[in-house]
Protein backbone atom coordinates (compact mmCIF):
# COMPACT_ATOMS: atom_id res chain seq x y z
CA MET A 1 0.00 0.00 0.00
CA THR A 2 2.86 2.40 0.77
CA LYS A 3 4.19 2.01 -2.79
CA LEU A 4 0.77 2.93 -4.20
CA ILE A 5 0.61 6.01 -1.97
CA LEU A 6 4.15 7.11 -2.84
CA ASP A 7 3.60 6.53 -6.58
CA SER A 8 0.37 8.54 -6.42
CA LEU A 9 2.04 11.36 -4.51
CA ALA A 10 4.91 11.45 -7.00
CA SER A 11 2.50 11.58 -9.91
CA GLN A 12 0.42 14.42 -8.44
CA LEU A 13 3.42 16.44 -7.20
CA GLU A 14 4.94 16.20 -10.68
CA ALA A 15 1.65 17.15 -12.36
CA SER A 16 1.20 20.23 -10.17
CA LEU A 17 4.82 21.27 -10.74
CA ALA A 18 4.45 20.74 -14.50
CA MET A 19 1.37 22.98 -14.52
CA LEU A 20 3.27 25.64 -12.60
CA ARG A 21 6.07 25.39 -15.16
CA GLN A 22 3.51 25.89 -17.97
CA CYS A 23 2.23 29.07 -16.31
CA ILE A 24 5.69 30.54 -15.82
CA ALA A 25 6.76 29.65 -19.36
CA ALA A 26 3.56 31.11 -20.86
CA CYS A 27 3.81 34.48 -19.11
CA PRO A 28 5.11 37.17 -21.45
CA PRO A 29 8.31 38.70 -20.04
CA ASP A 30 6.77 42.18 -20.07
CA ARG A 31 3.88 40.94 -17.88
CA PHE A 32 5.98 39.04 -15.30
CA ASP A 33 5.72 41.95 -12.83
CA ASP A 34 2.00 42.59 -13.36
CA LYS A 35 -0.16 42.39 -10.25
CA ILE A 36 -2.25 39.37 -9.33
CA GLY A 37 -4.20 40.54 -6.31
CA ASN A 38 -1.65 42.01 -3.90
CA ASP A 39 1.45 40.42 -5.44
CA SER A 40 3.09 40.27 -8.83
CA PHE A 41 3.11 37.24 -11.13
CA ARG A 42 6.84 36.97 -10.31
CA GLN A 43 6.21 36.88 -6.56
CA VAL A 44 3.34 34.38 -6.75
CA ALA A 45 5.41 32.08 -8.98
CA TYR A 46 8.42 32.26 -6.67
CA HIS A 47 6.35 31.88 -3.49
CA THR A 48 4.82 28.72 -4.93
CA LEU A 49 8.18 27.29 -5.98
CA PHE A 50 9.82 28.19 -2.68
CA PHE A 51 7.20 26.41 -0.57
CA PHE A 52 6.96 23.48 -2.97
CA ASP A 53 10.68 22.90 -2.38
CA PHE A 54 10.52 23.76 1.34
CA TYR A 55 7.80 21.21 2.13
CA LEU A 56 9.70 18.47 0.31
CA ALA A 57 12.53 18.77 2.86
CA PRO A 58 12.60 16.13 5.62
CA SER A 59 12.02 18.89 8.17
CA GLU A 60 12.15 22.64 8.62
CA SER A 61 15.62 22.42 10.16
CA ALA A 62 16.90 20.17 7.35
CA PHE A 63 15.84 22.60 4.62
CA GLN A 64 18.80 24.23 2.88
CA LEU A 65 18.38 27.41 0.88
CA ARG A 66 19.51 26.83 -2.68
CA ASP A 67 21.47 29.52 -4.52
CA LEU A 68 18.27 30.41 -6.39
CA HIS A 69 16.44 30.79 -3.05
CA LYS A 70 19.16 33.14 -1.86
CA LYS A 71 18.66 35.13 -5.05
CA GLY A 72 14.86 35.13 -4.82
CA GLY A 73 14.50 35.60 -1.08
CA ASP A 74 13.54 33.48 1.91
CA GLU A 75 9.75 33.25 1.84
CA ARG A 76 9.56 32.23 5.50
CA GLY A 77 10.21 35.80 6.64
CA ALA A 78 7.69 38.57 7.15
CA ASP A 79 9.07 40.66 4.29
CA LEU A 80 7.90 40.11 0.75
CA SER A 81 10.55 38.35 -1.31
CA PRO A 82 11.60 39.96 -4.57
CA GLY A 83 11.13 36.67 -6.42
CA LEU A 84 13.11 35.39 -9.36
CA SER A 85 13.38 36.28 -13.01
CA LYS A 86 11.39 34.11 -15.37
CA GLU A 87 14.57 32.29 -16.39
CA ASP A 88 15.63 31.65 -12.78
CA ALA A 89 12.13 30.47 -11.83
CA LEU A 90 12.20 28.01 -14.73
CA ALA A 91 15.68 26.88 -13.61
CA LEU A 92 14.37 26.08 -10.12
CA ILE A 93 11.71 23.70 -11.45
CA PRO A 94 14.03 20.79 -12.41
CA LEU A 95 15.64 21.05 -8.97
CA CYS A 96 12.21 20.76 -7.35
CA ARG A 97 11.39 17.82 -9.61
CA GLU A 98 14.58 16.06 -8.51
CA GLN A 99 13.63 16.76 -4.89
CA ILE A 100 10.31 14.97 -5.36
CA ALA A 101 12.15 11.72 -6.12
CA ILE A 102 14.72 12.22 -3.35
CA THR A 103 12.02 12.94 -0.77
CA LEU A 104 9.60 10.20 -1.71
CA ASN A 105 12.33 7.58 -2.01
CA ALA A 106 13.17 8.25 1.63
CA GLU A 107 9.57 8.00 2.87
CA THR A 108 8.29 4.91 4.69
CA THR A 109 4.95 3.94 6.14
CA GLU A 110 6.21 5.17 9.50
CA SER A 111 7.50 8.50 8.22
CA LEU A 112 4.29 9.19 6.30
CA ALA A 113 2.30 8.62 9.49
CA GLY A 114 4.74 10.65 11.59
CA PRO A 115 4.96 14.39 12.20
CA THR A 116 5.80 16.74 9.36
CA GLY A 117 8.86 18.29 10.95
CA PHE A 118 7.43 21.77 10.20
CA SER A 119 6.18 24.06 12.95
CA ARG A 120 3.55 25.56 10.63
CA ARG A 121 1.99 22.21 9.81
CA LYS A 122 0.90 20.02 12.71
CA THR A 123 -0.30 17.03 10.67
CA ALA A 124 1.07 13.72 9.46
CA ARG A 125 3.76 13.88 6.79
CA LEU A 126 1.40 12.27 4.26
CA GLU A 127 -1.01 15.15 4.72
CA LEU A 128 1.85 17.63 4.27
CA HIS A 129 2.49 16.19 0.80
CA ILE A 130 -1.20 16.54 -0.06
CA TYR A 131 -1.17 20.08 1.32
CA ASN A 132 1.84 20.86 -0.90
CA ILE A 133 -0.09 19.74 -3.98
CA ARG A 134 -3.14 21.79 -2.98
CA HIS A 135 -1.04 24.89 -2.27
CA THR A 136 0.67 24.61 -5.65
CA GLN A 137 -2.61 24.12 -7.51
CA HIS A 138 -4.16 27.09 -5.70
CA HIS A 139 -1.46 29.35 -7.09
CA VAL A 140 -1.49 27.65 -10.50
CA GLY A 141 -5.17 28.64 -10.58
CA GLN A 142 -4.25 32.27 -9.87
CA LEU A 143 -1.51 32.33 -12.48
CA SER A 144 -3.54 30.56 -15.16
CA ALA A 145 -6.54 32.88 -14.58
CA PHE A 146 -4.21 35.86 -15.05
CA LEU A 147 -2.87 34.33 -18.28
CA ARG A 148 -6.39 33.54 -19.49
CA LYS A 149 -7.29 37.23 -19.10
CA LEU A 150 -4.27 38.08 -21.26
CA GLN A 151 -5.42 35.45 -23.76
CA VAL A 152 -1.99 33.87 -23.66
CA ASN A 153 -1.54 30.25 -24.71
CA GLY A 154 -5.08 29.81 -26.02
CA ASP A 155 -7.92 29.69 -23.54
CA ALA A 156 -6.09 28.27 -20.54
CA ILE A 157 -3.10 26.35 -19.28
CA PRO A 158 -3.73 22.70 -20.18
CA TRP A 159 -4.68 20.44 -17.28
CA ILE A 160 -2.16 17.74 -16.43
CA GLY A 161 -3.95 14.91 -14.67
CA ALA A 162 -0.96 12.88 -13.56
CA GLY A 163 2.81 12.71 -13.90
CA TRP A 164 5.31 15.00 -15.55
CA LYS A 165 4.33 16.46 -18.92
């Protein structure tokens, strides 16, 4: 059963990350700093990538800022991070994809049932992975709605049901 759960998590984490990549790639460079609600496209994209990567770490204390995080800003602080350029955001995506495999290969039935290791999330680790998918898809919805209003990439960002596309 654990293999089924881990395979399903991998598939859905990859699908949500692939949809985020589509949004970032589809955004015209001259619109990357346009506002979506209170933040810019750039900031929403980076925030989503930062926390996607953050919640894949074994714990809050084990998380290591990557060079691209240092460039984009630490999203855990109270101050708004500047975010990354479109090119840097796209460069962070393969690193996050690699982290999916690293993280899920280390998970066991016991670790999935255990605590998250994150002070913000007082649930089982399995639920943290589901939360990570939901958080990513929430922001993919924001970004794709923005792009739809611009009429970029047809009517919408294509839905990816499972796996990396």
